[in-house]
Amino acid sequence: MNIGRRLIAPTAVAGATALSLATLSACSADGSGSVSSGGKLKVTASFYPMQYLAEQIGGSHVSVTELTKPGVEPHDLELTPRQTATLGESDVIVYLKGLQPAVDDAIAQSGVRNTADAASLTSLEKHGTEVDGHSHTTGDNNTGSTGEVAGADPHIWLDPVKYAQVAKGVEKTLAKADPNHADTYAKNLNALVKKLDALNTEFRDGLKNRTSDTFITTHAAFGYLAERYGLVEEAISGIDPETEPSAARIKALHTLAQQKNVSTVFFETLVSDKTAKTLAGDLGVRTDVLDPIEGITAKSKGSDYVEVQQSNLKALQKALGAK
């Protein structure tokens, strides 16, 4: 017999097992306020704007996983089996229903109880246009038939005011999942809202003294921002950046650019700039970047949401002759 081996009494085994189960229970999310192993809340964010909110509000008490990797166009996301499995292990999911159908389907099947849907935390609007150039704030999203083309616009994060409303809902979800750190989440939310309020003021004041209201973009991502500050966005394609513009839409943009003295056609970092540069060449105007902030990459003009928005403001000021 190996004298180094010791027999363990049945009562000791039972006690250790009970202790382990109790520990596991305390460290796993049950939908009623516990946190995951390691003491951090496991948060899954569908894409960068949701990730930013979760990290800013959660701080050191959350571990955030982003489903949409940097450089991937969020509208096109397809989940891998591993991502779907990870989603089901989340304590909290922060997403925007309607933007990424694959994510919506996976969340519906995940069984995760603590979810924050940004689309339900502020009001969504329908943005559309007339194809003859008499437009609202977004671009033609069909084949060029007459009449207004409208759909629910998901790009709420580009309006700092609406984004702050979403942030408040995210904070409530985090606090519900992890009430022990609710005070910290509330404090972090207040700091974030102050930053977004300051950003709103920068846009409002920075675009006051402008010579033009109209700007052209690759796809209709800036309708909320345009409405907030009294601008008119004209998009080459519609809400979906992959939609091909109709011949009628391109013709309308030529006319509109001349009428409104448009100086710039904006393109973005995550989709092709070919159409924007072709249109700008035909019009004899310049191109610049207006970032919908769907992901941060090495090409982004800033390291986070606020910095990229400030870069967007500078680009708009230049395009619209703001002083």
Protein backbone atom coordinates (compact mmCIF):
# COMPACT_ATOMS: atom_id res chain seq x y z
CA MET A 1 0.00 0.00 0.00
CA ASN A 2 1.18 3.51 -0.85
CA ILE A 3 1.48 5.23 2.49
CA GLY A 4 1.38 8.64 0.71
CA ARG A 5 -2.26 8.07 -0.17
CA ARG A 6 -4.89 9.09 2.37
CA LEU A 7 -8.46 8.00 2.62
CA ILE A 8 -11.00 10.82 2.67
CA ALA A 9 -14.04 10.41 4.82
CA PRO A 10 -17.42 10.38 3.03
CA THR A 11 -18.56 13.33 5.08
CA ALA A 12 -15.59 15.36 3.90
CA VAL A 13 -16.35 14.50 0.27
CA ALA A 14 -19.97 15.54 0.70
CA GLY A 15 -18.95 18.79 2.34
CA ALA A 16 -16.45 19.62 -0.39
CA THR A 17 -19.01 18.85 -3.09
CA ALA A 18 -21.59 21.07 -1.44
CA LEU A 19 -19.03 23.86 -1.14
CA SER A 20 -18.08 23.53 -4.83
CA LEU A 21 -21.70 23.65 -5.93
CA ALA A 22 -22.32 26.69 -3.79
CA THR A 23 -19.28 28.39 -5.27
CA LEU A 24 -20.33 27.58 -8.82
CA SER A 25 -23.82 28.86 -8.12
CA ALA A 26 -22.50 32.13 -6.79
CA CYS A 27 -20.22 32.57 -9.79
CA SER A 28 -22.68 31.88 -12.59
CA ALA A 29 -25.40 34.09 -13.96
CA ASP A 30 -28.88 32.92 -13.11
CA GLY A 31 -30.76 35.96 -14.38
CA SER A 32 -31.37 37.21 -10.86
CA GLY A 33 -28.28 39.22 -10.20
CA SER A 34 -25.25 36.92 -9.96
CA VAL A 35 -22.08 37.44 -11.95
CA SER A 36 -19.92 35.08 -13.95
CA SER A 37 -16.74 33.29 -12.94
CA GLY A 38 -13.84 35.61 -12.25
CA GLY A 39 -16.16 38.17 -10.67
CA LYS A 40 -16.87 39.95 -13.97
CA LEU A 41 -20.13 40.16 -15.82
CA LYS A 42 -19.88 38.44 -19.21
CA VAL A 43 -21.33 40.88 -21.73
CA THR A 44 -21.72 40.17 -25.44
CA ALA A 45 -22.08 43.22 -27.70
CA SER A 46 -23.37 42.81 -31.25
CA PHE A 47 -21.10 45.46 -32.79
CA TYR A 48 -18.85 48.37 -31.84
CA PRO A 49 -21.38 51.05 -30.74
CA MET A 50 -22.91 48.53 -28.32
CA GLN A 51 -19.46 47.41 -27.17
CA TYR A 52 -18.49 51.01 -26.42
CA LEU A 53 -21.52 51.53 -24.20
CA ALA A 54 -20.98 48.27 -22.31
CA GLU A 55 -17.32 49.04 -21.66
CA GLN A 56 -17.87 52.66 -20.70
CA ILE A 57 -20.67 51.84 -18.27
CA GLY A 58 -19.42 48.48 -17.04
CA GLY A 59 -15.82 49.52 -16.52
CA SER A 60 -13.69 47.00 -14.67
CA HIS A 61 -16.71 44.93 -13.62
CA VAL A 62 -17.49 43.60 -17.09
CA SER A 63 -15.77 41.45 -19.68
CA VAL A 64 -17.09 42.42 -23.11
CA THR A 65 -17.00 40.27 -26.24
CA GLU A 66 -17.86 41.87 -29.59
CA LEU A 67 -19.54 39.66 -32.18
CA THR A 68 -18.60 41.87 -35.13
CA LYS A 69 -14.84 41.99 -35.46
CA PRO A 70 -13.09 45.23 -36.49
CA GLY A 71 -13.19 45.67 -40.25
CA VAL A 72 -16.34 43.57 -40.77
CA GLU A 73 -19.41 45.37 -42.11
CA PRO A 74 -22.07 44.79 -39.38
CA HIS A 75 -24.99 44.50 -41.79
CA ASP A 76 -23.37 41.42 -43.37
CA LEU A 77 -22.50 39.53 -40.18
CA GLU A 78 -23.03 35.76 -40.11
CA LEU A 79 -22.34 34.01 -36.82
CA THR A 80 -20.08 30.99 -36.47
CA PRO A 81 -21.23 28.04 -34.33
CA ARG A 82 -18.67 29.09 -31.73
CA GLN A 83 -20.03 32.65 -31.59
CA THR A 84 -23.56 31.31 -31.22
CA ALA A 85 -22.43 29.10 -28.33
CA THR A 86 -20.61 32.00 -26.68
CA LEU A 87 -23.73 34.12 -27.00
CA GLY A 88 -25.67 31.58 -24.96
CA GLU A 89 -23.09 31.76 -22.16
CA SER A 90 -23.49 35.52 -21.74
CA ASP A 91 -24.78 37.18 -18.61
CA VAL A 92 -25.90 40.20 -20.63
CA ILE A 93 -26.36 40.85 -24.35
CA VAL A 94 -26.35 44.37 -25.77
CA TYR A 95 -27.55 44.64 -29.37
CA LEU A 96 -29.67 46.59 -31.84
CA LYS A 97 -32.59 44.57 -33.13
CA GLY A 98 -33.18 44.87 -36.85
CA LEU A 99 -29.60 45.70 -37.85
CA GLN A 100 -28.20 42.16 -37.89
CA PRO A 101 -30.80 39.43 -38.53
CA ALA A 102 -28.36 36.61 -37.72
CA VAL A 103 -27.75 38.11 -34.27
CA ASP A 104 -31.46 38.64 -33.64
CA ASP A 105 -32.17 34.96 -34.40
CA ALA A 106 -29.34 33.72 -32.18
CA ILE A 107 -30.42 35.90 -29.25
CA ALA A 108 -33.99 34.65 -29.53
CA GLN A 109 -32.71 31.09 -29.11
CA SER A 110 -29.99 31.83 -26.54
CA GLY A 111 -32.11 31.75 -23.40
CA VAL A 112 -30.22 34.76 -21.98
CA ARG A 113 -32.60 36.77 -19.83
CA ASN A 114 -30.69 40.02 -19.43
CA THR A 115 -30.69 41.71 -22.83
CA ALA A 116 -30.60 45.36 -23.83
CA ASP A 117 -32.07 46.08 -27.26
CA ALA A 118 -30.99 49.56 -28.31
CA ALA A 119 -33.89 49.80 -30.75
CA SER A 120 -36.31 49.65 -27.82
CA LEU A 121 -34.44 52.22 -25.74
CA THR A 122 -35.06 55.21 -28.00
CA SER A 123 -37.41 56.04 -30.85
CA LEU A 124 -36.63 54.75 -34.34
CA GLU A 125 -37.76 56.72 -37.35
CA LYS A 126 -38.36 56.07 -41.01
CA HIS A 127 -36.07 57.93 -43.35
CA GLY A 128 -36.85 58.08 -47.05
CA THR A 129 -36.48 60.12 -50.21
CA GLU A 130 -38.11 61.12 -53.45
CA VAL A 131 -36.11 59.96 -56.46
CA ASP A 132 -36.48 63.26 -58.33
CA GLY A 133 -34.10 64.96 -55.91
CA HIS A 134 -36.67 66.54 -53.58
CA SER A 135 -35.50 64.54 -50.64
CA HIS A 136 -35.78 64.06 -46.92
CA THR A 137 -32.62 62.78 -45.24
CA THR A 138 -31.75 59.49 -46.89
CA GLY A 139 -31.11 57.93 -50.24
CA ASP A 140 -33.00 55.93 -52.83
CA ASN A 141 -33.22 52.29 -51.76
CA ASN A 142 -35.12 50.84 -54.71
CA THR A 143 -34.99 50.65 -58.48
CA GLY A 144 -36.00 54.22 -59.11
CA SER A 145 -39.78 54.10 -59.01
CA THR A 146 -41.61 57.25 -58.02
CA GLY A 147 -42.79 57.87 -54.50
CA GLU A 148 -41.06 57.83 -51.13
CA VAL A 149 -38.99 54.84 -50.09
CA ALA A 150 -38.81 54.53 -46.33
CA GLY A 151 -37.74 52.02 -43.73
CA ALA A 152 -36.82 51.90 -40.07
CA ASP A 153 -33.39 53.48 -39.77
CA PRO A 154 -31.21 51.67 -37.19
CA HIS A 155 -28.32 54.20 -37.11
CA ILE A 156 -29.39 55.80 -33.84
CA TRP A 157 -25.89 55.84 -32.33
CA LEU A 158 -24.78 58.60 -34.70
CA ASP A 159 -27.05 61.04 -32.87
CA PRO A 160 -25.33 61.70 -29.50
CA VAL A 161 -28.68 62.50 -27.87
CA LYS A 162 -30.30 59.22 -28.90
CA TYR A 163 -27.11 57.36 -28.05
CA ALA A 164 -27.27 58.75 -24.50
CA GLN A 165 -30.86 57.47 -24.22
CA VAL A 166 -29.66 54.01 -25.23
CA ALA A 167 -26.83 54.23 -22.69
CA LYS A 168 -29.34 54.72 -19.88
CA GLY A 169 -31.14 51.53 -20.84
CA VAL A 170 -27.89 49.59 -21.01
CA GLU A 171 -27.00 50.76 -17.50
CA LYS A 172 -30.32 49.49 -16.16
CA THR A 173 -29.70 46.07 -17.70
CA LEU A 174 -26.20 45.81 -16.25
CA ALA A 175 -27.45 46.86 -12.82
CA LYS A 176 -30.22 44.28 -12.94
CA ALA A 177 -27.76 41.51 -13.83
CA ASP A 178 -25.20 42.66 -11.25
CA PRO A 179 -26.87 44.71 -8.48
CA ASN A 180 -23.77 44.55 -6.29
CA HIS A 181 -22.08 47.06 -8.63
CA ALA A 182 -25.15 49.13 -9.50
CA ASP A 183 -23.70 52.26 -7.90
CA THR A 184 -20.58 52.01 -10.05
CA TYR A 185 -22.63 51.50 -13.21
CA ALA A 186 -24.72 54.56 -12.37
CA LYS A 187 -21.59 56.64 -11.77
CA ASN A 188 -20.03 55.50 -15.06
CA LEU A 189 -23.27 56.24 -16.90
CA ASN A 190 -23.30 59.80 -15.59
CA ALA A 191 -19.74 60.31 -16.82
CA LEU A 192 -20.62 58.90 -20.24
CA VAL A 193 -23.76 61.02 -20.59
CA LYS A 194 -21.70 64.12 -19.80
CA LYS A 195 -19.31 63.21 -22.63
CA LEU A 196 -22.19 62.69 -25.03
CA ASP A 197 -23.83 65.95 -23.94
CA ALA A 198 -20.56 67.75 -24.59
CA LEU A 199 -20.32 66.10 -28.01
CA ASN A 200 -23.86 67.23 -28.82
CA THR A 201 -22.89 70.78 -27.90
CA GLU A 202 -19.79 70.58 -30.12
CA PHE A 203 -21.92 69.55 -33.10
CA ARG A 204 -24.63 72.13 -32.43
CA ASP A 205 -22.21 75.03 -32.03
CA GLY A 206 -19.77 73.81 -34.67
CA LEU A 207 -22.40 73.65 -37.40
CA LYS A 208 -24.22 76.90 -36.62
CA ASN A 209 -22.55 79.26 -39.06
CA ARG A 210 -22.58 77.21 -42.28
CA THR A 211 -23.15 78.13 -45.90
CA SER A 212 -24.87 74.88 -46.92
CA ASP A 213 -27.11 72.24 -45.33
CA THR A 214 -26.76 69.38 -47.81
CA PHE A 215 -24.16 66.61 -47.90
CA ILE A 216 -23.88 63.40 -49.93
CA THR A 217 -22.90 60.07 -48.38
CA THR A 218 -22.27 56.53 -49.61
CA HIS A 219 -25.20 55.02 -47.70
CA ALA A 220 -27.99 56.42 -45.58
CA ALA A 221 -26.39 56.20 -42.16
CA PHE A 222 -26.58 59.83 -41.04
CA GLY A 223 -30.30 60.57 -41.06
CA TYR A 224 -30.58 60.97 -37.28
CA LEU A 225 -27.48 63.14 -37.10
CA ALA A 226 -28.76 65.28 -39.97
CA GLU A 227 -32.14 65.80 -38.31
CA ARG A 228 -30.55 66.65 -34.97
CA TYR A 229 -28.54 69.53 -36.43
CA GLY A 230 -30.84 70.70 -39.22
CA LEU A 231 -28.89 69.16 -42.10
CA VAL A 232 -29.98 67.22 -45.18
CA GLU A 233 -28.29 63.92 -45.93
CA GLU A 234 -28.46 62.68 -49.53
CA ALA A 235 -27.29 59.09 -49.83
CA ILE A 236 -26.14 57.31 -52.97
CA SER A 237 -27.65 54.04 -51.75
CA GLY A 238 -30.10 53.32 -48.94
CA ILE A 239 -30.00 52.04 -45.37
CA ASP A 240 -28.16 48.92 -46.55
CA PRO A 241 -24.68 49.92 -47.81
CA GLU A 242 -24.64 47.04 -50.30
CA THR A 243 -27.71 48.28 -52.17
CA GLU A 244 -26.92 49.45 -55.70
CA PRO A 245 -28.24 52.94 -56.51
CA SER A 246 -30.69 53.27 -59.40
CA ALA A 247 -29.95 55.30 -62.52
CA ALA A 248 -32.71 57.68 -61.45
CA ARG A 249 -30.99 58.22 -58.12
CA ILE A 250 -27.63 59.02 -59.70
CA LYS A 251 -29.31 61.47 -62.08
CA ALA A 252 -31.13 63.12 -59.17
CA LEU A 253 -27.88 63.51 -57.25
CA HIS A 254 -26.25 65.26 -60.21
CA THR A 255 -29.08 67.78 -60.31
CA LEU A 256 -29.20 68.21 -56.55
CA ALA A 257 -25.44 68.70 -56.20
CA GLN A 258 -25.57 71.58 -58.65
CA GLN A 259 -28.63 73.16 -57.04
CA LYS A 260 -27.28 72.90 -53.49
CA ASN A 261 -23.63 73.68 -54.28
CA VAL A 262 -22.48 70.38 -52.81
CA SER A 263 -18.70 70.44 -52.36
CA THR A 264 -18.04 66.92 -51.08
CA VAL A 265 -19.11 63.33 -51.59
CA PHE A 266 -18.45 61.33 -48.42
CA PHE A 267 -17.39 57.71 -48.34
CA GLU A 268 -16.71 55.43 -45.36
CA THR A 269 -14.09 53.00 -44.16
CA LEU A 270 -15.86 49.61 -44.16
CA VAL A 271 -17.41 49.59 -47.67
CA SER A 272 -16.10 50.28 -51.16
CA ASP A 273 -15.48 53.93 -52.06
CA LYS A 274 -15.72 53.27 -55.82
CA THR A 275 -19.23 54.68 -56.37
CA ALA A 276 -18.57 57.75 -54.22
CA LYS A 277 -15.35 58.57 -56.04
CA THR A 278 -16.96 58.03 -59.45
CA LEU A 279 -19.82 60.38 -58.56
CA ALA A 280 -17.42 62.97 -57.14
CA GLY A 281 -15.35 62.80 -60.32
CA ASP A 282 -18.42 63.34 -62.48
CA LEU A 283 -19.47 66.30 -60.34
CA GLY A 284 -16.00 67.80 -60.10
CA VAL A 285 -16.08 67.84 -56.28
CA ARG A 286 -13.81 66.37 -53.67
CA THR A 287 -14.24 63.27 -51.49
CA ASP A 288 -13.75 62.83 -47.75
CA VAL A 289 -14.50 60.30 -45.02
CA LEU A 290 -17.66 60.43 -42.91
CA ASP A 291 -17.48 57.44 -40.62
CA PRO A 292 -20.69 55.66 -39.50
CA ILE A 293 -18.62 54.23 -36.63
CA GLU A 294 -19.75 50.65 -37.13
CA GLY A 295 -16.28 49.48 -36.16
CA ILE A 296 -12.89 50.91 -35.17
CA THR A 297 -9.95 49.96 -37.41
CA ALA A 298 -6.51 51.30 -38.25
CA LYS A 299 -8.21 53.48 -40.87
CA SER A 300 -10.52 55.13 -38.33
CA LYS A 301 -9.84 58.78 -37.60
CA GLY A 302 -9.90 58.29 -33.86
CA SER A 303 -9.50 55.54 -31.28
CA ASP A 304 -13.08 55.51 -29.97
CA TYR A 305 -16.62 56.71 -30.62
CA VAL A 306 -16.14 60.28 -29.36
CA GLU A 307 -12.88 60.87 -31.25
CA VAL A 308 -14.33 59.57 -34.53
CA GLN A 309 -17.45 61.70 -34.08
CA GLN A 310 -15.24 64.75 -33.55
CA SER A 311 -13.46 63.88 -36.79
CA ASN A 312 -16.85 63.59 -38.50
CA LEU A 313 -17.74 67.05 -37.22
CA LYS A 314 -14.58 68.56 -38.71
CA ALA A 315 -15.32 66.89 -42.05
CA LEU A 316 -18.89 68.24 -42.06
CA GLN A 317 -17.73 71.72 -41.09
CA LYS A 318 -15.36 71.77 -44.05
CA ALA A 319 -17.95 70.38 -46.47
CA LEU A 320 -20.72 72.74 -45.34
CA GLY A 321 -18.59 75.87 -45.03
CA ALA A 322 -19.09 76.15 -41.27
CA LYS A 323 -16.89 78.67 -39.45
